[in-house]
C-alpha atoms as a PDB file:
ATOM      1  CA  MET A   1      11.576  66.723 -68.700  1.00  0.00           C
ATOM      2  CA  ARG A   2       8.302  64.909 -69.213  1.00  0.00           C
ATOM      3  CA  GLU A   3       7.797  62.627 -72.148  1.00  0.00           C
ATOM      4  CA  ALA A   4       5.023  63.270 -74.627  1.00  0.00           C
ATOM      5  CA  LYS A   5       2.836  60.336 -75.629  1.00  0.00           C
ATOM      6  CA  ASP A   6       4.378  60.253 -79.094  1.00  0.00           C
ATOM      7  CA  GLY A   7       8.033  60.855 -78.206  1.00  0.00           C
ATOM      8  CA  PRO A   8      10.344  63.032 -76.162  1.00  0.00           C
ATOM      9  CA  ALA A   9       9.794  66.774 -75.670  1.00  0.00           C
ATOM     10  CA  ARG A  10       6.649  68.322 -77.139  1.00  0.00           C
ATOM     11  CA  ASN A  11       8.260  71.576 -78.247  1.00  0.00           C
ATOM     12  CA  VAL A  12      11.553  73.398 -78.605  1.00  0.00           C
ATOM     13  CA  THR A  13      11.454  75.020 -75.163  1.00  0.00           C
ATOM     14  CA  GLU A  14      11.024  71.631 -73.515  1.00  0.00           C
ATOM     15  CA  ALA A  15      13.716  70.096 -75.717  1.00  0.00           C
ATOM     16  CA  ARG A  16      16.116  72.861 -74.670  1.00  0.00           C
ATOM     17  CA  ALA A  17      14.921  72.851 -71.049  1.00  0.00           C
ATOM     18  CA  THR A  18      14.505  76.622 -71.017  1.00  0.00           C
ATOM     19  CA  ILE A  19      13.755  78.295 -67.705  1.00  0.00           C
ATOM     20  CA  GLY A  20      10.240  78.985 -68.981  1.00  0.00           C
ATOM     21  CA  ALA A  21       9.658  75.299 -69.643  1.00  0.00           C
ATOM     22  CA  LEU A  22      11.196  74.285 -66.323  1.00  0.00           C
ATOM     23  CA  LEU A  23       8.815  76.633 -64.507  1.00  0.00           C
ATOM     24  CA  ARG A  24       5.775  75.986 -66.698  1.00  0.00           C
ATOM     25  CA  LEU A  25       5.780  72.178 -66.708  1.00  0.00           C
ATOM     26  CA  PRO A  26       5.563  71.728 -62.913  1.00  0.00           C
ATOM     27  CA  TYR A  27       2.913  74.454 -62.751  1.00  0.00           C
ATOM     28  CA  GLU A  28       0.847  72.766 -65.479  1.00  0.00           C
ATOM     29  CA  SER A  29       1.099  69.403 -63.722  1.00  0.00           C
ATOM     30  CA  LEU A  30       0.126  70.972 -60.395  1.00  0.00           C
ATOM     31  CA  ALA A  31      -2.803  72.871 -61.941  1.00  0.00           C
ATOM     32  CA  GLU A  32      -4.088  69.756 -63.722  1.00  0.00           C
ATOM     33  CA  TRP A  33      -4.008  67.808 -60.445  1.00  0.00           C
ATOM     34  CA  LEU A  34      -5.518  70.682 -58.401  1.00  0.00           C
ATOM     35  CA  TYR A  35      -8.492  71.201 -60.690  1.00  0.00           C
ATOM     36  CA  GLY A  36      -9.083  67.465 -60.957  1.00  0.00           C
ATOM     37  CA  GLU A  37      -9.178  67.256 -57.169  1.00  0.00           C
ATOM     38  CA  LEU A  38     -11.395  70.338 -57.005  1.00  0.00           C
ATOM     39  CA  ALA A  39     -13.870  68.652 -59.366  1.00  0.00           C
ATOM     40  CA  ALA A  40     -13.835  65.549 -57.172  1.00  0.00           C
ATOM     41  CA  ALA A  41     -14.522  67.803 -54.158  1.00  0.00           C
ATOM     42  CA  GLY A  42     -17.795  68.926 -55.737  1.00  0.00           C
ATOM     43  CA  HIS A  43     -16.797  71.809 -58.014  1.00  0.00           C
ATOM     44  CA  PRO A  44     -16.577  70.282 -61.512  1.00  0.00           C
ATOM     45  CA  GLY A  45     -17.547  73.550 -63.229  1.00  0.00           C
ATOM     46  CA  VAL A  46     -14.472  75.415 -62.017  1.00  0.00           C
ATOM     47  CA  ARG A  47     -11.767  75.097 -64.670  1.00  0.00           C
ATOM     48  CA  ARG A  48      -8.067  75.975 -64.753  1.00  0.00           C
ATOM     49  CA  ALA A  49      -8.872  79.151 -66.673  1.00  0.00           C
ATOM     50  CA  HIS A  50     -10.828  80.346 -63.638  1.00  0.00           C
ATOM     51  CA  SER A  51      -7.594  80.485 -61.659  1.00  0.00           C
ATOM     52  CA  ALA A  52      -7.117  83.955 -63.172  1.00  0.00           C
ATOM     53  CA  VAL A  53     -10.099  85.066 -61.087  1.00  0.00           C
ATOM     54  CA  PHE A  54      -9.450  83.126 -57.876  1.00  0.00           C
ATOM     55  CA  ARG A  55      -5.763  84.075 -57.832  1.00  0.00           C
ATOM     56  CA  HIS A  56      -6.252  87.807 -58.398  1.00  0.00           C
ATOM     57  CA  ILE A  57      -9.489  88.756 -56.648  1.00  0.00           C
ATOM     58  CA  ALA A  58      -8.962  90.989 -53.595  1.00  0.00           C
ATOM     59  CA  PRO A  59     -10.465  89.896 -50.253  1.00  0.00           C
ATOM     60  CA  GLY A  60     -13.071  92.684 -50.362  1.00  0.00           C
ATOM     61  CA  GLY A  61     -13.746  92.295 -54.071  1.00  0.00           C
ATOM     62  CA  SER A  62     -12.224  93.707 -57.237  1.00  0.00           C
ATOM     63  CA  ARG A  63     -13.347  95.684 -60.225  1.00  0.00           C
ATOM     64  CA  LEU A  64     -13.417  93.695 -63.428  1.00  0.00           C
ATOM     65  CA  THR A  65     -10.820  95.985 -65.021  1.00  0.00           C
ATOM     66  CA  ASP A  66      -8.462  95.451 -62.068  1.00  0.00           C
ATOM     67  CA  LEU A  67      -8.879  91.674 -62.284  1.00  0.00           C
ATOM     68  CA  ALA A  68      -8.107  91.734 -65.993  1.00  0.00           C
ATOM     69  CA  GLU A  69      -5.047  93.929 -65.484  1.00  0.00           C
ATOM     70  CA  ARG A  70      -3.667  91.771 -62.648  1.00  0.00           C
ATOM     71  CA  ALA A  71      -4.192  88.637 -64.726  1.00  0.00           C
ATOM     72  CA  GLY A  72      -2.640  90.196 -67.825  1.00  0.00           C
ATOM     73  CA  MET A  73      -5.665  89.533 -69.975  1.00  0.00           C
ATOM     74  CA  ALA A  74      -8.240  91.462 -71.961  1.00  0.00           C
ATOM     75  CA  LYS A  75     -11.222  92.857 -70.063  1.00  0.00           C
ATOM     76  CA  GLN A  76     -13.571  90.913 -72.368  1.00  0.00           C
ATOM     77  CA  SER A  77     -11.815  87.625 -71.573  1.00  0.00           C
ATOM     78  CA  MET A  78     -11.998  88.291 -67.846  1.00  0.00           C
ATOM     79  CA  ALA A  79     -15.679  89.265 -68.198  1.00  0.00           C
ATOM     80  CA  TYR A  80     -16.349  85.886 -69.834  1.00  0.00           C
ATOM     81  CA  LEU A  81     -14.726  84.048 -66.893  1.00  0.00           C
ATOM     82  CA  VAL A  82     -16.467  86.223 -64.305  1.00  0.00           C
ATOM     83  CA  ASP A  83     -19.878  85.826 -65.978  1.00  0.00           C
ATOM     84  CA  GLY A  84     -19.510  82.047 -65.918  1.00  0.00           C
ATOM     85  CA  LEU A  85     -18.551  82.056 -62.246  1.00  0.00           C
ATOM     86  CA  ILE A  86     -21.477  84.369 -61.422  1.00  0.00           C
ATOM     87  CA  ALA A  87     -23.866  82.022 -63.237  1.00  0.00           C
ATOM     88  CA  ALA A  88     -22.419  79.074 -61.271  1.00  0.00           C
ATOM     89  CA  GLY A  89     -22.859  80.906 -57.958  1.00  0.00           C
ATOM     90  CA  TYR A  90     -19.180  81.424 -57.123  1.00  0.00           C
ATOM     91  CA  LEU A  91     -19.159  85.203 -57.629  1.00  0.00           C
ATOM     92  CA  ALA A  92     -21.572  88.097 -57.190  1.00  0.00           C
ATOM     93  CA  THR A  93     -21.366  91.775 -58.020  1.00  0.00           C
ATOM     94  CA  ALA A  94     -22.066  94.727 -55.756  1.00  0.00           C
ATOM     95  CA  PRO A  95     -21.734  98.502 -56.067  1.00  0.00           C
ATOM     96  CA  ASP A  96     -18.220  99.788 -55.384  1.00  0.00           C
ATOM     97  CA  PRO A  97     -18.494 101.890 -52.196  1.00  0.00           C
ATOM     98  CA  SER A  98     -15.724 104.191 -53.464  1.00  0.00           C
ATOM     99  CA  ASP A  99     -17.483 104.857 -56.788  1.00  0.00           C
ATOM    100  CA  GLY A 100     -21.217 104.225 -57.153  1.00  0.00           C
ATOM    101  CA  ARG A 101     -20.878 103.964 -60.927  1.00  0.00           C
ATOM    102  CA  ALA A 102     -18.496 101.006 -60.676  1.00  0.00           C
ATOM    103  CA  ARG A 103     -19.191  97.456 -59.529  1.00  0.00           C
ATOM    104  CA  LEU A 104     -17.091  95.064 -57.489  1.00  0.00           C
ATOM    105  CA  VAL A 105     -16.825  91.358 -58.197  1.00  0.00           C
ATOM    106  CA  ARG A 106     -16.862  89.416 -54.926  1.00  0.00           C
ATOM    107  CA  LEU A 107     -16.582  85.788 -53.926  1.00  0.00           C
ATOM    108  CA  THR A 108     -19.763  84.204 -52.632  1.00  0.00           C
ATOM    109  CA  GLU A 109     -19.631  81.651 -49.835  1.00  0.00           C
ATOM    110  CA  SER A 110     -19.210  78.954 -52.512  1.00  0.00           C
ATOM    111  CA  GLY A 111     -16.449  80.989 -54.135  1.00  0.00           C
ATOM    112  CA  ARG A 112     -14.617  81.333 -50.829  1.00  0.00           C
ATOM    113  CA  GLU A 113     -14.978  77.580 -50.360  1.00  0.00           C
ATOM    114  CA  VAL A 114     -13.379  76.992 -53.774  1.00  0.00           C
ATOM    115  CA  GLN A 115     -10.554  79.420 -53.018  1.00  0.00           C
ATOM    116  CA  GLU A 116      -9.860  77.793 -49.633  1.00  0.00           C
ATOM    117  CA  THR A 117     -10.025  74.308 -51.166  1.00  0.00           C
ATOM    118  CA  LEU A 118      -7.494  75.311 -53.828  1.00  0.00           C
ATOM    119  CA  ILE A 119      -5.150  76.695 -51.171  1.00  0.00           C
ATOM    120  CA  ARG A 120      -5.531  73.548 -49.061  1.00  0.00           C
ATOM    121  CA  LEU A 121      -4.920  71.287 -52.062  1.00  0.00           C
ATOM    122  CA  SER A 122      -1.889  73.325 -53.075  1.00  0.00           C
ATOM    123  CA  ALA A 123      -0.443  72.946 -49.572  1.00  0.00           C
ATOM    124  CA  ALA A 124      -1.038  69.193 -49.751  1.00  0.00           C
ATOM    125  CA  ALA A 125       0.781  69.019 -53.098  1.00  0.00           C
ATOM    126  CA  GLU A 126       3.691  70.978 -51.617  1.00  0.00           C
ATOM    127  CA  ALA A 127       3.866  68.643 -48.644  1.00  0.00           C
ATOM    128  CA  GLU A 128       3.933  65.659 -50.992  1.00  0.00           C
ATOM    129  CA  CYS A 129       6.750  67.241 -53.022  1.00  0.00           C
ATOM    130  CA  ALA A 130       8.706  68.067 -49.863  1.00  0.00           C
ATOM    131  CA  GLN A 131       8.380  64.482 -48.701  1.00  0.00           C
ATOM    132  CA  ALA A 132       9.484  63.103 -52.091  1.00  0.00           C
ATOM    133  CA  MET A 133      12.411  65.519 -52.472  1.00  0.00           C
ATOM    134  CA  GLY A 134      13.381  65.787 -48.827  1.00  0.00           C
ATOM    135  CA  ALA A 135      12.459  68.728 -46.639  1.00  0.00           C
ATOM    136  CA  ALA A 136      15.830  70.500 -46.896  1.00  0.00           C
ATOM    137  CA  GLU A 137      16.024  70.205 -50.678  1.00  0.00           C
ATOM    138  CA  TYR A 138      12.444  71.385 -51.065  1.00  0.00           C
ATOM    139  CA  ALA A 139      13.051  74.340 -48.732  1.00  0.00           C
ATOM    140  CA  ARG A 140      16.095  75.257 -50.842  1.00  0.00           C
ATOM    141  CA  LEU A 141      13.998  74.999 -54.024  1.00  0.00           C
ATOM    142  CA  ARG A 142      11.417  77.390 -52.525  1.00  0.00           C
ATOM    143  CA  GLU A 143      14.169  79.778 -51.479  1.00  0.00           C
ATOM    144  CA  LEU A 144      15.701  79.794 -54.969  1.00  0.00           C
ATOM    145  CA  LEU A 145      12.315  80.206 -56.649  1.00  0.00           C
ATOM    146  CA  GLY A 146      11.565  83.134 -54.337  1.00  0.00           C
ATOM    147  CA  ARG A 147      14.855  84.780 -55.296  1.00  0.00           C
ATOM    148  CA  LEU A 148      14.195  84.148 -58.991  1.00  0.00           C
ATOM    149  CA  ALA A 149      10.679  85.597 -58.679  1.00  0.00           C
ATOM    150  CA  ALA A 150      12.064  88.738 -57.007  1.00  0.00           C
ATOM    151  CA  LEU A 151      14.767  89.103 -59.668  1.00  0.00           C
ATOM    152  CA  LEU A 152      12.309  88.754 -62.531  1.00  0.00           C
ATOM    153  CA  GLU A 153       9.726  90.991 -60.843  1.00  0.00           C
ATOM    154  CA  ALA A 154      12.342  93.735 -60.516  1.00  0.00           C
ATOM    155  CA  ARG A 155      12.934  93.546 -64.291  1.00  0.00           C
ATOM    156  CA  ARG A 156       9.232  93.765 -65.149  1.00  0.00           C
ATOM    157  CA  PRO A 157       8.320  96.966 -66.989  1.00  0.00           C
ATOM    158  CA  ARG A 158       6.032  99.224 -65.012  1.00  0.00           C
ATOM    159  CA  ALA A 159       3.094 101.165 -66.413  1.00  0.00           C
ATOM    160  CA  PRO A 160       3.746 104.898 -66.439  1.00  0.00           C
ATOM    161  CA  VAL A 161       2.295 106.811 -63.491  1.00  0.00           C
ATOM    162  CA  THR A 162      -0.432 109.208 -64.569  1.00  0.00           C
ATOM    163  CA  SER A 163      -1.495 112.447 -62.960  1.00  0.00           C
ATOM    164  CA  GLY A 164      -4.858 110.985 -61.971  1.00  0.00           C
ATOM    165  CA  GLU A 165      -6.794 112.861 -64.650  1.00  0.00           C
ATOM    166  CA  GLY A 166      -8.859 111.088 -67.203  1.00  0.00           C
END
């Protein structure tokens, strides 16, 4: 468990090494490093909060409401992130070909560059971890995390299926 600047664990979940803390702390460290490296690569305006967009946007674009739902956040919060990325040139909107009243949010060339850079940096971080831990141990960690993800995903409540009216 990481040490806080002013003492041991920062909160009760870290002090008790809960599964949430054990999953969250490596993710937070990875994200902090990734977005620092992304800034150094020429994209200082893309923040960790923007990962909700880059992680959930579909290859052909997504509706704002779908992005918000996938990210588990309010539509207004997602709109704030999307608007900032549009203003910075990483996203654009276009009419949804399946519904002319709706709009799709799409990555621009700069947005695709950011997404690819994040994926490349993430792979580099994984390679570094595999080297530090040993390839077999790291492969086992990935296997166990995959099993845990599947177990927890199976327990996730599902939204009720509607008849399509409305």
